[in-house]
Every structure is written in structure tokens, then in C-alpha cells.
């Protein structure tokens, strides 16, 4: 299903959101489908992204109330999430709660830091920048509001 088709199904049942914009994206890891499945199962209720990537692309940082259509690795729209909370903190200050809500690995902060240190290092290299422990990170909490 395309992102627009899923969004149209959602707004047919929730017409109050018909004029709300949405973003469509897959998780940006080397295992986007695994993260998507964690989201669909209700295990993953948060995600993190690097502020420099938003600055590089010109995209706005998410805010509470935003909608996103999550895509599989092949571009299939699988669910719609709504952002409930956004904080921006240095990488080194990401909380245990954030790590747990992201639902990855053993859900520990140590696991989160190791996995995201690798991810953000590669992501920063892709925009010709450098990862640091003080790099600002967008910590986004969300709820799934609709499934394909």
C-alpha cells in the first residue's frame, strides 16, 4: 500500500485530521523491517535521530502532534504513528527511559549507546560531518494510531 492510500484510509475514519500533513519514512538503520515489526508489536514506542541530519536536509525537527507513515524497506506503508513527545539532548545524555522505549536489543542504555554510536557515526560520515558524544539527538516518543 502507498503512504497516501494508507493516509486516506486513516482520514476516512478520522476526518478531523484530513488537512494535517504527514511524513513518510522507513527506519534509517540496516534493519528497518525489524524496527518496524517492533513498532507494530508495541515494543518500540520511541526513536532517535541526529539534529545535524535535519539541518543538512532542511527538514523540520518533529514535534508533538506530527503524523508519520512508517514504511517497510520496500516502501510499503505499514502504519501511521503520531508523535507524543520530543526532546533534544546531547548523545551522552540520552536517558535509560529513551533506550527502553526504543525497544531494541536488551533495551538497556549500554546497548542503545553502542548501536547508535555506530549508526550515528556512519550517518554523520554520509553528510561529511563527525559524530561526537555532545551531538544533539532528537528523542521522539510516539503511538501507533493506525495499522495497514
C-alpha atoms as a PDB file:
ATOM      1  CA  UNK A   1       0.000   0.000   0.000  1.00  0.00           C
ATOM      2  CA  UNK A   2       1.263   3.501  -0.753  1.00  0.00           C
ATOM      3  CA  UNK A   3       1.667   6.086   2.004  1.00  0.00           C
ATOM      4  CA  UNK A   4      -1.107   8.218   0.518  1.00  0.00           C
ATOM      5  CA  UNK A   5      -3.502   5.258   0.292  1.00  0.00           C
ATOM      6  CA  UNK A   6      -2.923   4.395   3.962  1.00  0.00           C
ATOM      7  CA  UNK A   7      -3.296   8.044   4.976  1.00  0.00           C
ATOM      8  CA  UNK A   8      -6.579   8.308   3.049  1.00  0.00           C
ATOM      9  CA  UNK A   9      -7.911   5.215   4.860  1.00  0.00           C
ATOM     10  CA  UNK A  10      -6.945   6.788   8.180  1.00  0.00           C
ATOM     11  CA  UNK A  11      -8.579  10.151   7.479  1.00  0.00           C
ATOM     12  CA  UNK A  12     -11.727   8.444   6.161  1.00  0.00           C
ATOM     13  CA  UNK A  13     -12.134   7.124   9.718  1.00  0.00           C
ATOM     14  CA  UNK A  14     -10.692  10.247  11.362  1.00  0.00           C
ATOM     15  CA  UNK A  15     -11.835  13.186   9.213  1.00  0.00           C
ATOM     16  CA  UNK A  16     -10.638  15.741  11.763  1.00  0.00           C
ATOM     17  CA  UNK A  17      -7.092  15.027  10.513  1.00  0.00           C
ATOM     18  CA  UNK A  18      -7.851  15.354   6.792  1.00  0.00           C
ATOM     19  CA  UNK A  19      -5.814  18.546   6.452  1.00  0.00           C
ATOM     20  CA  UNK A  20      -2.893  17.511   8.645  1.00  0.00           C
ATOM     21  CA  UNK A  21       0.386  16.937   6.830  1.00  0.00           C
ATOM     22  CA  UNK A  22       2.396  13.759   7.331  1.00  0.00           C
ATOM     23  CA  UNK A  23       5.870  12.474   6.625  1.00  0.00           C
ATOM     24  CA  UNK A  24       6.556   9.011   5.176  1.00  0.00           C
ATOM     25  CA  UNK A  25       9.801   7.227   6.012  1.00  0.00           C
ATOM     26  CA  UNK A  26      11.412   3.880   6.804  1.00  0.00           C
ATOM     27  CA  UNK A  27      13.610   3.446   9.846  1.00  0.00           C
ATOM     28  CA  UNK A  28      17.096   4.536   8.847  1.00  0.00           C
ATOM     29  CA  UNK A  29      19.027   1.519  10.030  1.00  0.00           C
ATOM     30  CA  UNK A  30      20.364  -1.535   8.269  1.00  0.00           C
ATOM     31  CA  UNK A  31      17.366  -3.421   9.688  1.00  0.00           C
ATOM     32  CA  UNK A  32      14.355  -1.164   9.070  1.00  0.00           C
ATOM     33  CA  UNK A  33      11.875  -4.042   8.860  1.00  0.00           C
ATOM     34  CA  UNK A  34      12.914  -5.433  12.251  1.00  0.00           C
ATOM     35  CA  UNK A  35      12.402  -2.000  13.830  1.00  0.00           C
ATOM     36  CA  UNK A  36       9.072  -1.657  12.038  1.00  0.00           C
ATOM     37  CA  UNK A  37       7.936  -5.006  13.449  1.00  0.00           C
ATOM     38  CA  UNK A  38       8.907  -3.883  16.963  1.00  0.00           C
ATOM     39  CA  UNK A  39       6.742  -0.813  16.389  1.00  0.00           C
ATOM     40  CA  UNK A  40       3.789  -2.839  15.117  1.00  0.00           C
ATOM     41  CA  UNK A  41       4.042  -5.136  18.164  1.00  0.00           C
ATOM     42  CA  UNK A  42       4.024  -2.150  20.528  1.00  0.00           C
ATOM     43  CA  UNK A  43       7.553  -2.787  21.790  1.00  0.00           C
ATOM     44  CA  UNK A  44       9.134   0.229  20.095  1.00  0.00           C
ATOM     45  CA  UNK A  45       7.426   3.493  21.062  1.00  0.00           C
ATOM     46  CA  UNK A  46      10.329   5.880  20.524  1.00  0.00           C
ATOM     47  CA  UNK A  47      13.074   6.664  18.064  1.00  0.00           C
ATOM     48  CA  UNK A  48      16.120   8.894  17.924  1.00  0.00           C
ATOM     49  CA  UNK A  49      17.678  10.929  15.156  1.00  0.00           C
ATOM     50  CA  UNK A  50      20.603  13.284  14.750  1.00  0.00           C
ATOM     51  CA  UNK A  51      19.933  17.026  14.669  1.00  0.00           C
ATOM     52  CA  UNK A  52      22.731  17.610  12.110  1.00  0.00           C
ATOM     53  CA  UNK A  53      20.862  15.390   9.629  1.00  0.00           C
ATOM     54  CA  UNK A  54      17.799  17.628   9.902  1.00  0.00           C
ATOM     55  CA  UNK A  55      19.996  20.694   9.470  1.00  0.00           C
ATOM     56  CA  UNK A  56      21.715  19.153   6.440  1.00  0.00           C
ATOM     57  CA  UNK A  57      18.441  18.167   4.738  1.00  0.00           C
ATOM     58  CA  UNK A  58      16.465  21.273   5.682  1.00  0.00           C
ATOM     59  CA  UNK A  59      13.736  19.115   7.236  1.00  0.00           C
ATOM     60  CA  UNK A  60      11.962  20.312  10.361  1.00  0.00           C
ATOM     61  CA  UNK A  61      12.593  18.521  13.636  1.00  0.00           C
ATOM     62  CA  UNK A  62       9.476  16.522  14.615  1.00  0.00           C
ATOM     63  CA  UNK A  63       7.107  17.968  17.189  1.00  0.00           C
ATOM     64  CA  UNK A  64       4.314  16.580  19.323  1.00  0.00           C
ATOM     65  CA  UNK A  65       1.201  16.043  17.220  1.00  0.00           C
ATOM     66  CA  UNK A  66       3.052  15.246  13.986  1.00  0.00           C
ATOM     67  CA  UNK A  67       1.996  12.217  11.943  1.00  0.00           C
ATOM     68  CA  UNK A  68       4.306   9.808  10.108  1.00  0.00           C
ATOM     69  CA  UNK A  69       3.572   6.888   7.825  1.00  0.00           C
ATOM     70  CA  UNK A  70       6.160   4.195   8.525  1.00  0.00           C
ATOM     71  CA  UNK A  71       7.410   2.295   5.506  1.00  0.00           C
ATOM     72  CA  UNK A  72       8.928  -1.142   5.082  1.00  0.00           C
ATOM     73  CA  UNK A  73      12.309  -1.459   3.375  1.00  0.00           C
ATOM     74  CA  UNK A  74      10.485  -1.911   0.051  1.00  0.00           C
ATOM     75  CA  UNK A  75       8.406   1.250   0.505  1.00  0.00           C
ATOM     76  CA  UNK A  76       5.163  -0.363   1.652  1.00  0.00           C
ATOM     77  CA  UNK A  77       3.149   1.766   4.103  1.00  0.00           C
ATOM     78  CA  UNK A  78       2.599  -0.339   7.226  1.00  0.00           C
ATOM     79  CA  UNK A  79       1.325   2.002   9.938  1.00  0.00           C
ATOM     80  CA  UNK A  80       0.774   5.586  10.995  1.00  0.00           C
ATOM     81  CA  UNK A  81       2.335   6.972  14.145  1.00  0.00           C
ATOM     82  CA  UNK A  82       1.662  10.213  15.979  1.00  0.00           C
ATOM     83  CA  UNK A  83       4.461  11.918  17.854  1.00  0.00           C
ATOM     84  CA  UNK A  84       3.593  12.482  21.509  1.00  0.00           C
ATOM     85  CA  UNK A  85       6.802  13.985  22.893  1.00  0.00           C
ATOM     86  CA  UNK A  86      10.065  15.369  21.555  1.00  0.00           C
ATOM     87  CA  UNK A  87      13.195  16.332  23.460  1.00  0.00           C
ATOM     88  CA  UNK A  88      16.621  17.260  22.153  1.00  0.00           C
ATOM     89  CA  UNK A  89      19.615  16.256  24.255  1.00  0.00           C
ATOM     90  CA  UNK A  90      23.313  15.593  23.677  1.00  0.00           C
ATOM     91  CA  UNK A  91      24.017  11.979  22.723  1.00  0.00           C
ATOM     92  CA  UNK A  92      25.763  11.368  26.061  1.00  0.00           C
ATOM     93  CA  UNK A  93      22.623  12.475  27.935  1.00  0.00           C
ATOM     94  CA  UNK A  94      20.083  10.199  26.232  1.00  0.00           C
ATOM     95  CA  UNK A  95      18.184   8.548  29.085  1.00  0.00           C
ATOM     96  CA  UNK A  96      17.655   4.957  30.134  1.00  0.00           C
ATOM     97  CA  UNK A  97      13.937   5.564  29.576  1.00  0.00           C
ATOM     98  CA  UNK A  98      14.556   6.545  25.939  1.00  0.00           C
ATOM     99  CA  UNK A  99      16.686   3.441  25.378  1.00  0.00           C
ATOM    100  CA  UNK A 100      13.980   1.244  26.892  1.00  0.00           C
ATOM    101  CA  UNK A 101      11.185   2.850  24.845  1.00  0.00           C
ATOM    102  CA  UNK A 102      13.148   2.317  21.633  1.00  0.00           C
ATOM    103  CA  UNK A 103      12.774  -1.407  22.306  1.00  0.00           C
ATOM    104  CA  UNK A 104      15.990  -2.545  20.646  1.00  0.00           C
ATOM    105  CA  UNK A 105      18.363  -5.276  21.801  1.00  0.00           C
ATOM    106  CA  UNK A 106      18.129  -5.811  25.551  1.00  0.00           C
ATOM    107  CA  UNK A 107      16.582  -2.316  25.879  1.00  0.00           C
ATOM    108  CA  UNK A 108      19.485  -1.128  28.030  1.00  0.00           C
ATOM    109  CA  UNK A 109      21.190   2.240  27.735  1.00  0.00           C
ATOM    110  CA  UNK A 110      24.523   0.478  27.137  1.00  0.00           C
ATOM    111  CA  UNK A 111      23.063  -1.413  24.154  1.00  0.00           C
ATOM    112  CA  UNK A 112      21.409   1.763  22.846  1.00  0.00           C
ATOM    113  CA  UNK A 113      24.631   3.764  23.063  1.00  0.00           C
ATOM    114  CA  UNK A 114      26.720   1.134  21.295  1.00  0.00           C
ATOM    115  CA  UNK A 115      24.203   0.592  18.477  1.00  0.00           C
ATOM    116  CA  UNK A 116      23.502   4.296  17.994  1.00  0.00           C
ATOM    117  CA  UNK A 117      27.156   5.309  18.230  1.00  0.00           C
ATOM    118  CA  UNK A 118      27.791   3.058  15.193  1.00  0.00           C
ATOM    119  CA  UNK A 119      24.652   4.277  13.393  1.00  0.00           C
ATOM    120  CA  UNK A 120      25.261   7.982  14.020  1.00  0.00           C
ATOM    121  CA  UNK A 121      28.959   7.698  13.113  1.00  0.00           C
ATOM    122  CA  UNK A 122      28.022   6.306   9.687  1.00  0.00           C
ATOM    123  CA  UNK A 123      25.186   8.803   9.294  1.00  0.00           C
ATOM    124  CA  UNK A 124      27.468  11.749  10.091  1.00  0.00           C
ATOM    125  CA  UNK A 125      30.052  10.476   7.601  1.00  0.00           C
ATOM    126  CA  UNK A 126      27.323  10.377   4.924  1.00  0.00           C
ATOM    127  CA  UNK A 127      26.793  14.136   5.352  1.00  0.00           C
ATOM    128  CA  UNK A 128      30.540  14.836   5.716  1.00  0.00           C
ATOM    129  CA  UNK A 129      30.313  15.517   9.414  1.00  0.00           C
ATOM    130  CA  UNK A 130      31.670  13.853  12.541  1.00  0.00           C
ATOM    131  CA  UNK A 131      29.841  12.118  15.373  1.00  0.00           C
ATOM    132  CA  UNK A 132      30.581  13.371  18.882  1.00  0.00           C
ATOM    133  CA  UNK A 133      29.187  12.492  22.302  1.00  0.00           C
ATOM    134  CA  UNK A 134      27.837  16.063  22.505  1.00  0.00           C
ATOM    135  CA  UNK A 135      25.969  15.867  19.186  1.00  0.00           C
ATOM    136  CA  UNK A 136      22.316  16.851  19.695  1.00  0.00           C
ATOM    137  CA  UNK A 137      19.875  13.964  19.331  1.00  0.00           C
ATOM    138  CA  UNK A 138      16.124  14.215  18.760  1.00  0.00           C
ATOM    139  CA  UNK A 139      14.375  11.799  21.134  1.00  0.00           C
ATOM    140  CA  UNK A 140      10.871  11.207  19.796  1.00  0.00           C
ATOM    141  CA  UNK A 141       8.102   9.256  21.530  1.00  0.00           C
ATOM    142  CA  UNK A 142       5.060   8.116  19.562  1.00  0.00           C
ATOM    143  CA  UNK A 143       1.940   5.989  19.477  1.00  0.00           C
ATOM    144  CA  UNK A 144       0.702   3.847  16.604  1.00  0.00           C
ATOM    145  CA  UNK A 145      -2.664   5.289  15.575  1.00  0.00           C
ATOM    146  CA  UNK A 146      -3.378   3.118  12.515  1.00  0.00           C
ATOM    147  CA  UNK A 147      -2.168  -0.154  11.003  1.00  0.00           C
ATOM    148  CA  UNK A 148      -2.344  -1.215   7.365  1.00  0.00           C
END
